[in-house]
Amino acid sequence: LSDDSDEIAGEASVAVRFLRDGAAAF
């Protein structure tokens, strides 16, 4: 977060568990 602008820089690490075989994307 910054006071220079309202822009935010983000990095999200998302841990997922897959619910079906063969998933090629989410």
mmCIF file of all heavy atoms, coordinates in Angstrom:
data_MODEL
# 
_entry.id   MODEL 
# 
loop_
_atom_site.group_PDB 
_atom_site.id 
_atom_site.type_symbol 
_atom_site.label_atom_id 
_atom_site.label_alt_id 
_atom_site.label_comp_id 
_atom_site.label_asym_id 
_atom_site.label_entity_id 
_atom_site.label_seq_id 
_atom_site.pdbx_PDB_ins_code 
_atom_site.Cartn_x 
_atom_site.Cartn_y 
_atom_site.Cartn_z 
_atom_site.occupancy 
_atom_site.B_iso_or_equiv 
_atom_site.pdbx_formal_charge 
_atom_site.auth_seq_id 
_atom_site.auth_comp_id 
_atom_site.auth_asym_id 
_atom_site.auth_atom_id 
_atom_site.pdbx_PDB_model_num 
ATOM 1   N N   . LEU A 1 1  ? 0.842   -1.190  0.000   1.00 0.00 ? 1  LEU A N   1 
ATOM 2   C CA  . LEU A 1 1  ? 0.000   0.000   0.000   1.00 0.00 ? 1  LEU A CA  1 
ATOM 3   C C   . LEU A 1 1  ? 0.874   1.235   0.000   1.00 0.00 ? 1  LEU A C   1 
ATOM 4   O O   . LEU A 1 1  ? 1.959   1.249   0.592   1.00 0.00 ? 1  LEU A O   1 
ATOM 5   C CB  . LEU A 1 1  ? -0.907  0.012   1.231   1.00 0.00 ? 1  LEU A CB  1 
ATOM 6   C CG  . LEU A 1 1  ? -1.714  -1.255  1.511   1.00 0.00 ? 1  LEU A CG  1 
ATOM 7   C CD1 . LEU A 1 1  ? -2.554  -1.071  2.778   1.00 0.00 ? 1  LEU A CD1 1 
ATOM 8   C CD2 . LEU A 1 1  ? -2.596  -1.629  0.334   1.00 0.00 ? 1  LEU A CD2 1 
ATOM 9   N N   . SER A 1 2  ? 0.380   2.297   -0.623  1.00 0.00 ? 2  SER A N   1 
ATOM 10  C CA  . SER A 1 2  ? 1.196   3.500   -0.794  1.00 0.00 ? 2  SER A CA  1 
ATOM 11  C C   . SER A 1 2  ? 0.348   4.743   -0.580  1.00 0.00 ? 2  SER A C   1 
ATOM 12  O O   . SER A 1 2  ? -0.867  4.732   -0.785  1.00 0.00 ? 2  SER A O   1 
ATOM 13  C CB  . SER A 1 2  ? 1.806   3.512   -2.199  1.00 0.00 ? 2  SER A CB  1 
ATOM 14  O OG  . SER A 1 2  ? 2.428   4.741   -2.474  1.00 0.00 ? 2  SER A OG  1 
ATOM 15  N N   . ASP A 1 3  ? 1.011   5.833   -0.203  1.00 0.00 ? 3  ASP A N   1 
ATOM 16  C CA  . ASP A 1 3  ? 0.359   7.137   -0.173  1.00 0.00 ? 3  ASP A CA  1 
ATOM 17  C C   . ASP A 1 3  ? 0.577   7.915   -1.465  1.00 0.00 ? 3  ASP A C   1 
ATOM 18  O O   . ASP A 1 3  ? 0.000   8.992   -1.652  1.00 0.00 ? 3  ASP A O   1 
ATOM 19  C CB  . ASP A 1 3  ? 0.881   7.968   1.009   1.00 0.00 ? 3  ASP A CB  1 
ATOM 20  C CG  . ASP A 1 3  ? 0.190   7.593   2.307   1.00 0.00 ? 3  ASP A CG  1 
ATOM 21  O OD1 . ASP A 1 3  ? -0.893  6.975   2.264   1.00 0.00 ? 3  ASP A OD1 1 
ATOM 22  O OD2 . ASP A 1 3  ? 0.745   7.911   3.380   1.00 0.00 ? 3  ASP A OD2 1 
ATOM 23  N N   . ASP A 1 4  ? 1.399   7.377   -2.362  1.00 0.00 ? 4  ASP A N   1 
ATOM 24  C CA  . ASP A 1 4  ? 1.684   8.071   -3.614  1.00 0.00 ? 4  ASP A CA  1 
ATOM 25  C C   . ASP A 1 4  ? 0.533   7.962   -4.597  1.00 0.00 ? 4  ASP A C   1 
ATOM 26  O O   . ASP A 1 4  ? 0.339   8.839   -5.442  1.00 0.00 ? 4  ASP A O   1 
ATOM 27  C CB  . ASP A 1 4  ? 2.961   7.510   -4.253  1.00 0.00 ? 4  ASP A CB  1 
ATOM 28  C CG  . ASP A 1 4  ? 4.191   7.759   -3.394  1.00 0.00 ? 4  ASP A CG  1 
ATOM 29  O OD1 . ASP A 1 4  ? 4.196   8.750   -2.638  1.00 0.00 ? 4  ASP A OD1 1 
ATOM 30  O OD2 . ASP A 1 4  ? 5.139   6.951   -3.464  1.00 0.00 ? 4  ASP A OD2 1 
ATOM 31  N N   . SER A 1 5  ? -0.229  6.865   -4.522  1.00 0.00 ? 5  SER A N   1 
ATOM 32  C CA  . SER A 1 5  ? -1.378  6.656   -5.401  1.00 0.00 ? 5  SER A CA  1 
ATOM 33  C C   . SER A 1 5  ? -2.279  5.615   -4.759  1.00 0.00 ? 5  SER A C   1 
ATOM 34  O O   . SER A 1 5  ? -1.940  5.017   -3.734  1.00 0.00 ? 5  SER A O   1 
ATOM 35  C CB  . SER A 1 5  ? -0.933  6.192   -6.800  1.00 0.00 ? 5  SER A CB  1 
ATOM 36  O OG  . SER A 1 5  ? -0.540  4.830   -6.767  1.00 0.00 ? 5  SER A OG  1 
ATOM 37  N N   . ASP A 1 6  ? -3.432  5.371   -5.382  1.00 0.00 ? 6  ASP A N   1 
ATOM 38  C CA  . ASP A 1 6  ? -4.349  4.347   -4.900  1.00 0.00 ? 6  ASP A CA  1 
ATOM 39  C C   . ASP A 1 6  ? -4.050  2.981   -5.510  1.00 0.00 ? 6  ASP A C   1 
ATOM 40  O O   . ASP A 1 6  ? -4.780  2.018   -5.238  1.00 0.00 ? 6  ASP A O   1 
ATOM 41  C CB  . ASP A 1 6  ? -5.798  4.732   -5.224  1.00 0.00 ? 6  ASP A CB  1 
ATOM 42  C CG  . ASP A 1 6  ? -6.284  5.910   -4.384  1.00 0.00 ? 6  ASP A CG  1 
ATOM 43  O OD1 . ASP A 1 6  ? -5.596  6.264   -3.408  1.00 0.00 ? 6  ASP A OD1 1 
ATOM 44  O OD2 . ASP A 1 6  ? -7.339  6.474   -4.716  1.00 0.00 ? 6  ASP A OD2 1 
ATOM 45  N N   . GLU A 1 7  ? -3.007  2.896   -6.299  1.00 0.00 ? 7  GLU A N   1 
ATOM 46  C CA  . GLU A 1 7  ? -2.661  1.606   -6.892  1.00 0.00 ? 7  GLU A CA  1 
ATOM 47  C C   . GLU A 1 7  ? -2.058  0.693   -5.831  1.00 0.00 ? 7  GLU A C   1 
ATOM 48  O O   . GLU A 1 7  ? -1.287  1.136   -4.972  1.00 0.00 ? 7  GLU A O   1 
ATOM 49  C CB  . GLU A 1 7  ? -1.661  1.786   -8.039  1.00 0.00 ? 7  GLU A CB  1 
ATOM 50  C CG  . GLU A 1 7  ? -1.331  0.481   -8.758  1.00 0.00 ? 7  GLU A CG  1 
ATOM 51  C CD  . GLU A 1 7  ? -0.391  0.677   -9.926  1.00 0.00 ? 7  GLU A CD  1 
ATOM 52  O OE1 . GLU A 1 7  ? 0.809   0.898   -9.680  1.00 0.00 ? 7  GLU A OE1 1 
ATOM 53  O OE2 . GLU A 1 7  ? -0.861  0.617   -11.085 1.00 0.00 ? 7  GLU A OE2 1 
ATOM 54  N N   . ILE A 1 8  ? -2.411  -0.587  -5.866  1.00 0.00 ? 8  ILE A N   1 
ATOM 55  C CA  . ILE A 1 8  ? -1.814  -1.578  -4.981  1.00 0.00 ? 8  ILE A CA  1 
ATOM 56  C C   . ILE A 1 8  ? -1.028  -2.575  -5.826  1.00 0.00 ? 8  ILE A C   1 
ATOM 57  O O   . ILE A 1 8  ? -1.363  -2.843  -6.978  1.00 0.00 ? 8  ILE A O   1 
ATOM 58  C CB  . ILE A 1 8  ? -2.871  -2.326  -4.143  1.00 0.00 ? 8  ILE A CB  1 
ATOM 59  C CG1 . ILE A 1 8  ? -3.809  -3.151  -5.035  1.00 0.00 ? 8  ILE A CG1 1 
ATOM 60  C CG2 . ILE A 1 8  ? -3.664  -1.355  -3.285  1.00 0.00 ? 8  ILE A CG2 1 
ATOM 61  C CD1 . ILE A 1 8  ? -4.725  -4.091  -4.268  1.00 0.00 ? 8  ILE A CD1 1 
ATOM 62  N N   . ALA A 1 9  ? 0.044   -3.076  -5.257  1.00 0.00 ? 9  ALA A N   1 
ATOM 63  C CA  . ALA A 1 9  ? 0.789   -4.180  -5.864  1.00 0.00 ? 9  ALA A CA  1 
ATOM 64  C C   . ALA A 1 9  ? 0.508   -5.414  -5.023  1.00 0.00 ? 9  ALA A C   1 
ATOM 65  O O   . ALA A 1 9  ? 0.630   -5.375  -3.790  1.00 0.00 ? 9  ALA A O   1 
ATOM 66  C CB  . ALA A 1 9  ? 2.284   -3.877  -5.892  1.00 0.00 ? 9  ALA A CB  1 
ATOM 67  N N   . GLY A 1 10 ? 0.101   -6.508  -5.669  1.00 0.00 ? 10 GLY A N   1 
ATOM 68  C CA  . GLY A 1 10 ? -0.295  -7.690  -4.936  1.00 0.00 ? 10 GLY A CA  1 
ATOM 69  C C   . GLY A 1 10 ? 0.382   -8.945  -5.441  1.00 0.00 ? 10 GLY A C   1 
ATOM 70  O O   . GLY A 1 10 ? 0.762   -9.044  -6.617  1.00 0.00 ? 10 GLY A O   1 
ATOM 71  N N   . GLU A 1 11 ? 0.540   -9.893  -4.529  1.00 0.00 ? 11 GLU A N   1 
ATOM 72  C CA  . GLU A 1 11 ? 0.990   -11.237 -4.880  1.00 0.00 ? 11 GLU A CA  1 
ATOM 73  C C   . GLU A 1 11 ? 0.154   -12.204 -4.049  1.00 0.00 ? 11 GLU A C   1 
ATOM 74  O O   . GLU A 1 11 ? 0.148   -12.122 -2.819  1.00 0.00 ? 11 GLU A O   1 
ATOM 75  C CB  . GLU A 1 11 ? 2.471   -11.423 -4.590  1.00 0.00 ? 11 GLU A CB  1 
ATOM 76  C CG  . GLU A 1 11 ? 3.010   -12.794 -4.986  1.00 0.00 ? 11 GLU A CG  1 
ATOM 77  C CD  . GLU A 1 11 ? 4.500   -12.928 -4.711  1.00 0.00 ? 11 GLU A CD  1 
ATOM 78  O OE1 . GLU A 1 11 ? 5.296   -12.340 -5.474  1.00 0.00 ? 11 GLU A OE1 1 
ATOM 79  O OE2 . GLU A 1 11 ? 4.841   -13.605 -3.723  1.00 0.00 ? 11 GLU A OE2 1 
ATOM 80  N N   . ALA A 1 12 ? -0.570  -13.080 -4.727  1.00 0.00 ? 12 ALA A N   1 
ATOM 81  C CA  . ALA A 1 12 ? -1.445  -14.033 -4.051  1.00 0.00 ? 12 ALA A CA  1 
ATOM 82  C C   . ALA A 1 12 ? -0.948  -15.441 -4.302  1.00 0.00 ? 12 ALA A C   1 
ATOM 83  O O   . ALA A 1 12 ? -0.828  -15.864 -5.458  1.00 0.00 ? 12 ALA A O   1 
ATOM 84  C CB  . ALA A 1 12 ? -2.876  -13.886 -4.561  1.00 0.00 ? 12 ALA A CB  1 
ATOM 85  N N   . SER A 1 13 ? -0.619  -16.152 -3.226  1.00 0.00 ? 13 SER A N   1 
ATOM 86  C CA  . SER A 1 13 ? -0.310  -17.578 -3.332  1.00 0.00 ? 13 SER A CA  1 
ATOM 87  C C   . SER A 1 13 ? -1.578  -18.339 -2.954  1.00 0.00 ? 13 SER A C   1 
ATOM 88  O O   . SER A 1 13 ? -2.109  -18.165 -1.852  1.00 0.00 ? 13 SER A O   1 
ATOM 89  C CB  . SER A 1 13 ? 0.835   -17.955 -2.390  1.00 0.00 ? 13 SER A CB  1 
ATOM 90  O OG  . SER A 1 13 ? 2.035   -17.340 -2.806  1.00 0.00 ? 13 SER A OG  1 
ATOM 91  N N   . VAL A 1 14 ? -2.058  -19.170 -3.871  1.00 0.00 ? 14 VAL A N   1 
ATOM 92  C CA  . VAL A 1 14 ? -3.344  -19.846 -3.710  1.00 0.00 ? 14 VAL A CA  1 
ATOM 93  C C   . VAL A 1 14 ? -3.103  -21.349 -3.726  1.00 0.00 ? 14 VAL A C   1 
ATOM 94  O O   . VAL A 1 14 ? -2.666  -21.907 -4.746  1.00 0.00 ? 14 VAL A O   1 
ATOM 95  C CB  . VAL A 1 14 ? -4.325  -19.448 -4.832  1.00 0.00 ? 14 VAL A CB  1 
ATOM 96  C CG1 . VAL A 1 14 ? -5.696  -20.055 -4.589  1.00 0.00 ? 14 VAL A CG1 1 
ATOM 97  C CG2 . VAL A 1 14 ? -4.420  -17.920 -4.942  1.00 0.00 ? 14 VAL A CG2 1 
ATOM 98  N N   . ALA A 1 15 ? -3.351  -22.010 -2.598  1.00 0.00 ? 15 ALA A N   1 
ATOM 99  C CA  . ALA A 1 15 ? -3.204  -23.466 -2.500  1.00 0.00 ? 15 ALA A CA  1 
ATOM 100 C C   . ALA A 1 15 ? -4.557  -24.100 -2.776  1.00 0.00 ? 15 ALA A C   1 
ATOM 101 O O   . ALA A 1 15 ? -5.542  -23.794 -2.091  1.00 0.00 ? 15 ALA A O   1 
ATOM 102 C CB  . ALA A 1 15 ? -2.699  -23.865 -1.122  1.00 0.00 ? 15 ALA A CB  1 
ATOM 103 N N   . VAL A 1 16 ? -4.618  -24.966 -3.783  1.00 0.00 ? 16 VAL A N   1 
ATOM 104 C CA  . VAL A 1 16 ? -5.888  -25.563 -4.191  1.00 0.00 ? 16 VAL A CA  1 
ATOM 105 C C   . VAL A 1 16 ? -5.796  -27.086 -4.139  1.00 0.00 ? 16 VAL A C   1 
ATOM 106 O O   . VAL A 1 16 ? -4.723  -27.669 -4.294  1.00 0.00 ? 16 VAL A O   1 
ATOM 107 C CB  . VAL A 1 16 ? -6.302  -25.109 -5.608  1.00 0.00 ? 16 VAL A CB  1 
ATOM 108 C CG1 . VAL A 1 16 ? -6.421  -23.596 -5.680  1.00 0.00 ? 16 VAL A CG1 1 
ATOM 109 C CG2 . VAL A 1 16 ? -5.324  -25.610 -6.653  1.00 0.00 ? 16 VAL A CG2 1 
ATOM 110 N N   . ARG A 1 17 ? -6.938  -27.694 -3.912  1.00 0.00 ? 17 ARG A N   1 
ATOM 111 C CA  . ARG A 1 17 ? -7.081  -29.143 -4.010  1.00 0.00 ? 17 ARG A CA  1 
ATOM 112 C C   . ARG A 1 17 ? -8.036  -29.432 -5.156  1.00 0.00 ? 17 ARG A C   1 
ATOM 113 O O   . ARG A 1 17 ? -9.131  -28.856 -5.215  1.00 0.00 ? 17 ARG A O   1 
ATOM 114 C CB  . ARG A 1 17 ? -7.630  -29.728 -2.705  1.00 0.00 ? 17 ARG A CB  1 
ATOM 115 C CG  . ARG A 1 17 ? -7.833  -31.239 -2.716  1.00 0.00 ? 17 ARG A CG  1 
ATOM 116 C CD  . ARG A 1 17 ? -8.177  -31.733 -1.318  1.00 0.00 ? 17 ARG A CD  1 
ATOM 117 N NE  . ARG A 1 17 ? -9.419  -31.153 -0.833  1.00 0.00 ? 17 ARG A NE  1 
ATOM 118 C CZ  . ARG A 1 17 ? -10.637 -31.710 -1.007  1.00 0.00 ? 17 ARG A CZ  1 
ATOM 119 N NH1 . ARG A 1 17 ? -10.753 -32.849 -1.671  1.00 0.00 ? 17 ARG A NH1 1 
ATOM 120 N NH2 . ARG A 1 17 ? -11.705 -31.119 -0.517  1.00 0.00 ? 17 ARG A NH2 1 
ATOM 121 N N   . PHE A 1 18 ? -7.640  -30.306 -6.061  1.00 0.00 ? 18 PHE A N   1 
ATOM 122 C CA  . PHE A 1 18 ? -8.461  -30.598 -7.235  1.00 0.00 ? 18 PHE A CA  1 
ATOM 123 C C   . PHE A 1 18 ? -9.463  -31.694 -6.899  1.00 0.00 ? 18 PHE A C   1 
ATOM 124 O O   . PHE A 1 18 ? -9.165  -32.665 -6.209  1.00 0.00 ? 18 PHE A O   1 
ATOM 125 C CB  . PHE A 1 18 ? -7.575  -30.997 -8.412  1.00 0.00 ? 18 PHE A CB  1 
ATOM 126 C CG  . PHE A 1 18 ? -6.755  -29.851 -8.936  1.00 0.00 ? 18 PHE A CG  1 
ATOM 127 C CD1 . PHE A 1 18 ? -5.469  -29.635 -8.453  1.00 0.00 ? 18 PHE A CD1 1 
ATOM 128 C CD2 . PHE A 1 18 ? -7.282  -28.963 -9.850  1.00 0.00 ? 18 PHE A CD2 1 
ATOM 129 C CE1 . PHE A 1 18 ? -4.721  -28.556 -8.907  1.00 0.00 ? 18 PHE A CE1 1 
ATOM 130 C CE2 . PHE A 1 18 ? -6.538  -27.879 -10.308 1.00 0.00 ? 18 PHE A CE2 1 
ATOM 131 C CZ  . PHE A 1 18 ? -5.249  -27.674 -9.839  1.00 0.00 ? 18 PHE A CZ  1 
ATOM 132 N N   . LEU A 1 19 ? -10.674 -31.518 -7.414  1.00 0.00 ? 19 LEU A N   1 
ATOM 133 C CA  . LEU A 1 19 ? -11.789 -32.382 -7.048  1.00 0.00 ? 19 LEU A CA  1 
ATOM 134 C C   . LEU A 1 19 ? -12.121 -33.408 -8.119  1.00 0.00 ? 19 LEU A C   1 
ATOM 135 O O   . LEU A 1 19 ? -13.028 -34.231 -7.904  1.00 0.00 ? 19 LEU A O   1 
ATOM 136 C CB  . LEU A 1 19 ? -13.028 -31.521 -6.749  1.00 0.00 ? 19 LEU A CB  1 
ATOM 137 C CG  . LEU A 1 19 ? -12.848 -30.456 -5.666  1.00 0.00 ? 19 LEU A CG  1 
ATOM 138 C CD1 . LEU A 1 19 ? -14.136 -29.674 -5.470  1.00 0.00 ? 19 LEU A CD1 1 
ATOM 139 C CD2 . LEU A 1 19 ? -12.397 -31.088 -4.353  1.00 0.00 ? 19 LEU A CD2 1 
ATOM 140 N N   . ARG A 1 20 ? -11.419 -33.383 -9.246  1.00 0.00 ? 20 ARG A N   1 
ATOM 141 C CA  . ARG A 1 20 ? -11.689 -34.390 -10.275 1.00 0.00 ? 20 ARG A CA  1 
ATOM 142 C C   . ARG A 1 20 ? -10.428 -34.645 -11.085 1.00 0.00 ? 20 ARG A C   1 
ATOM 143 O O   . ARG A 1 20 ? -9.537  -33.787 -11.182 1.00 0.00 ? 20 ARG A O   1 
ATOM 144 C CB  . ARG A 1 20 ? -12.831 -33.945 -11.184 1.00 0.00 ? 20 ARG A CB  1 
ATOM 145 C CG  . ARG A 1 20 ? -12.570 -32.682 -11.983 1.00 0.00 ? 20 ARG A CG  1 
ATOM 146 C CD  . ARG A 1 20 ? -13.636 -32.482 -13.060 1.00 0.00 ? 20 ARG A CD  1 
ATOM 147 N NE  . ARG A 1 20 ? -13.372 -31.311 -13.862 1.00 0.00 ? 20 ARG A NE  1 
ATOM 148 C CZ  . ARG A 1 20 ? -13.988 -30.151 -13.733 1.00 0.00 ? 20 ARG A CZ  1 
ATOM 149 N NH1 . ARG A 1 20 ? -14.908 -30.012 -12.801 1.00 0.00 ? 20 ARG A NH1 1 
ATOM 150 N NH2 . ARG A 1 20 ? -13.695 -29.132 -14.525 1.00 0.00 ? 20 ARG A NH2 1 
ATOM 151 N N   . ASP A 1 21 ? -10.351 -35.830 -11.654 1.00 0.00 ? 21 ASP A N   1 
ATOM 152 C CA  . ASP A 1 21 ? -9.207  -36.214 -12.487 1.00 0.00 ? 21 ASP A CA  1 
ATOM 153 C C   . ASP A 1 21 ? -9.226  -35.462 -13.810 1.00 0.00 ? 21 ASP A C   1 
ATOM 154 O O   . ASP A 1 21 ? -10.288 -35.141 -14.354 1.00 0.00 ? 21 ASP A O   1 
ATOM 155 C CB  . ASP A 1 21 ? -9.243  -37.724 -12.779 1.00 0.00 ? 21 ASP A CB  1 
ATOM 156 C CG  . ASP A 1 21 ? -8.754  -38.553 -11.608 1.00 0.00 ? 21 ASP A CG  1 
ATOM 157 O OD1 . ASP A 1 21 ? -7.949  -38.025 -10.817 1.00 0.00 ? 21 ASP A OD1 1 
ATOM 158 O OD2 . ASP A 1 21 ? -9.178  -39.712 -11.476 1.00 0.00 ? 21 ASP A OD2 1 
ATOM 159 N N   . GLY A 1 22 ? -8.023  -35.185 -14.294 1.00 0.00 ? 22 GLY A N   1 
ATOM 160 C CA  . GLY A 1 22 ? -7.876  -34.662 -15.647 1.00 0.00 ? 22 GLY A CA  1 
ATOM 161 C C   . GLY A 1 22 ? -8.099  -33.176 -15.796 1.00 0.00 ? 22 GLY A C   1 
ATOM 162 O O   . GLY A 1 22 ? -8.155  -32.680 -16.930 1.00 0.00 ? 22 GLY A O   1 
ATOM 163 N N   . ALA A 1 23 ? -8.220  -32.445 -14.679 1.00 0.00 ? 23 ALA A N   1 
ATOM 164 C CA  . ALA A 1 23 ? -8.434  -31.000 -14.792 1.00 0.00 ? 23 ALA A CA  1 
ATOM 165 C C   . ALA A 1 23 ? -7.252  -30.352 -15.506 1.00 0.00 ? 23 ALA A C   1 
ATOM 166 O O   . ALA A 1 23 ? -6.098  -30.579 -15.155 1.00 0.00 ? 23 ALA A O   1 
ATOM 167 C CB  . ALA A 1 23 ? -8.614  -30.378 -13.415 1.00 0.00 ? 23 ALA A CB  1 
ATOM 168 N N   . ALA A 1 24 ? -7.552  -29.568 -16.528 1.00 0.00 ? 24 ALA A N   1 
ATOM 169 C CA  . ALA A 1 24 ? -6.508  -28.908 -17.305 1.00 0.00 ? 24 ALA A CA  1 
ATOM 170 C C   . ALA A 1 24 ? -6.393  -27.428 -16.988 1.00 0.00 ? 24 ALA A C   1 
ATOM 171 O O   . ALA A 1 24 ? -5.428  -26.779 -17.409 1.00 0.00 ? 24 ALA A O   1 
ATOM 172 C CB  . ALA A 1 24 ? -6.779  -29.087 -18.803 1.00 0.00 ? 24 ALA A CB  1 
ATOM 173 N N   . ALA A 1 25 ? -7.371  -26.879 -16.244 1.00 0.00 ? 25 ALA A N   1 
ATOM 174 C CA  . ALA A 1 25 ? -7.364  -25.452 -15.909 1.00 0.00 ? 25 ALA A CA  1 
ATOM 175 C C   . ALA A 1 25 ? -8.334  -25.221 -14.761 1.00 0.00 ? 25 ALA A C   1 
ATOM 176 O O   . ALA A 1 25 ? -9.179  -26.071 -14.452 1.00 0.00 ? 25 ALA A O   1 
ATOM 177 C CB  . ALA A 1 25 ? -7.770  -24.609 -17.116 1.00 0.00 ? 25 ALA A CB  1 
ATOM 178 N N   . PHE A 1 26 ? -8.184  -24.083 -14.109 1.00 0.00 ? 26 PHE A N   1 
ATOM 179 C CA  . PHE A 1 26 ? -9.186  -23.656 -13.126 1.00 0.00 ? 26 PHE A CA  1 
ATOM 180 C C   . PHE A 1 26 ? -9.234  -22.131 -13.160 1.00 0.00 ? 26 PHE A C   1 
ATOM 181 O O   . PHE A 1 26 ? -8.351  -21.471 -13.728 1.00 0.00 ? 26 PHE A O   1 
ATOM 182 C CB  . PHE A 1 26 ? -8.877  -24.177 -11.723 1.00 0.00 ? 26 PHE A CB  1 
ATOM 183 C CG  . PHE A 1 26 ? -7.675  -23.557 -11.068 1.00 0.00 ? 26 PHE A CG  1 
ATOM 184 C CD1 . PHE A 1 26 ? -7.799  -22.471 -10.212 1.00 0.00 ? 26 PHE A CD1 1 
ATOM 185 C CD2 . PHE A 1 26 ? -6.400  -24.065 -11.307 1.00 0.00 ? 26 PHE A CD2 1 
ATOM 186 C CE1 . PHE A 1 26 ? -6.691  -21.904 -9.606  1.00 0.00 ? 26 PHE A CE1 1 
ATOM 187 C CE2 . PHE A 1 26 ? -5.280  -23.514 -10.693 1.00 0.00 ? 26 PHE A CE2 1 
ATOM 188 C CZ  . PHE A 1 26 ? -5.424  -22.430 -9.834  1.00 0.00 ? 26 PHE A CZ  1 
# 
